[in-house]
């Protein structure tokens, strides 16, 4: 794998799962702060995705749960492509 640490134009975020080569990348269920309440940014984006998907979700989510729902709804709405 090429070291692109100084070439931000070739870096990507997201994908099918955490980058195994990045020690900071973790599954949401493993986040230290994953049990904290959903952030305002997550809530706003999740609200948009849920409306587009025709779903209603509980607003009582943790950061990790919100992240998982965002990923699921991105795939459902086509925003994750």
Protein backbone atom coordinates (compact mmCIF):
# COMPACT_ATOMS: atom_id res chain seq x y z
CA UNK A 1 0.00 0.00 0.00
CA UNK A 2 1.29 3.44 -0.89
CA UNK A 3 1.81 5.98 1.88
CA UNK A 4 -0.54 8.84 1.00
CA UNK A 5 -0.23 10.68 4.30
CA UNK A 6 0.93 13.84 2.56
CA UNK A 7 -1.32 13.49 -0.50
CA UNK A 8 -4.84 14.34 0.68
CA UNK A 9 -6.18 14.26 -2.89
CA UNK A 10 -5.91 10.45 -2.97
CA UNK A 11 -7.31 9.82 0.51
CA UNK A 12 -10.86 8.65 0.93
CA UNK A 13 -13.25 8.41 3.84
CA UNK A 14 -15.90 5.78 4.30
CA UNK A 15 -16.08 2.44 2.60
CA UNK A 16 -17.41 -0.96 3.59
CA UNK A 17 -15.72 -0.96 7.00
CA UNK A 18 -12.95 0.50 9.13
CA UNK A 19 -9.57 0.74 7.41
CA UNK A 20 -7.46 -2.07 8.91
CA UNK A 21 -4.29 -0.07 8.18
CA UNK A 22 -5.52 2.90 10.24
CA UNK A 23 -5.12 2.37 13.98
CA UNK A 24 -7.62 5.18 14.64
CA UNK A 25 -10.37 3.50 12.57
CA UNK A 26 -12.79 1.55 14.73
CA UNK A 27 -16.16 -0.06 14.38
CA UNK A 28 -18.78 2.24 15.98
CA UNK A 29 -19.58 -0.43 18.59
CA UNK A 30 -15.97 -0.17 19.78
CA UNK A 31 -15.94 3.64 20.18
CA UNK A 32 -15.00 4.87 23.65
CA UNK A 33 -17.62 7.63 23.27
CA UNK A 34 -20.08 5.37 21.46
CA UNK A 35 -22.43 5.30 24.45
CA UNK A 36 -22.72 9.09 24.51
CA UNK A 37 -25.90 10.69 23.14
CA UNK A 38 -26.24 11.35 19.41
CA UNK A 39 -24.52 14.54 18.25
CA UNK A 40 -26.42 17.45 16.70
CA UNK A 41 -24.79 16.77 13.33
CA UNK A 42 -25.72 13.09 13.43
CA UNK A 43 -29.28 13.95 14.47
CA UNK A 44 -29.70 16.41 11.59
CA UNK A 45 -28.29 14.07 8.95
CA UNK A 46 -30.18 11.07 10.32
CA UNK A 47 -33.41 13.08 10.23
CA UNK A 48 -32.81 13.89 6.55
CA UNK A 49 -31.97 10.28 5.69
CA UNK A 50 -34.95 8.86 7.61
CA UNK A 51 -37.36 11.23 5.83
CA UNK A 52 -35.90 10.28 2.45
CA UNK A 53 -36.22 6.57 3.33
CA UNK A 54 -39.79 7.02 4.61
CA UNK A 55 -38.83 5.83 8.08
CA UNK A 56 -39.20 7.11 11.61
CA UNK A 57 -36.48 6.42 14.16
CA UNK A 58 -36.21 7.01 17.86
CA UNK A 59 -34.24 10.16 18.65
CA UNK A 60 -32.91 8.42 21.76
CA UNK A 61 -29.80 6.99 20.10
CA UNK A 62 -26.16 6.78 21.09
CA UNK A 63 -23.40 8.03 18.82
CA UNK A 64 -22.60 4.45 17.81
CA UNK A 65 -26.24 3.56 17.13
CA UNK A 66 -26.68 6.74 15.09
CA UNK A 67 -23.61 5.91 13.04
CA UNK A 68 -24.96 2.44 12.28
CA UNK A 69 -28.38 3.84 11.32
CA UNK A 70 -26.75 6.47 9.11
CA UNK A 71 -24.81 3.78 7.27
CA UNK A 72 -27.92 1.63 6.86
CA UNK A 73 -30.03 4.52 5.59
CA UNK A 74 -27.30 5.78 3.27
CA UNK A 75 -27.34 2.37 1.60
CA UNK A 76 -31.14 2.33 1.47
CA UNK A 77 -31.43 5.82 -0.03
CA UNK A 78 -28.47 5.51 -2.37
CA UNK A 79 -26.51 8.23 -0.60
CA UNK A 80 -23.91 5.69 0.48
CA UNK A 81 -22.90 4.82 -3.07
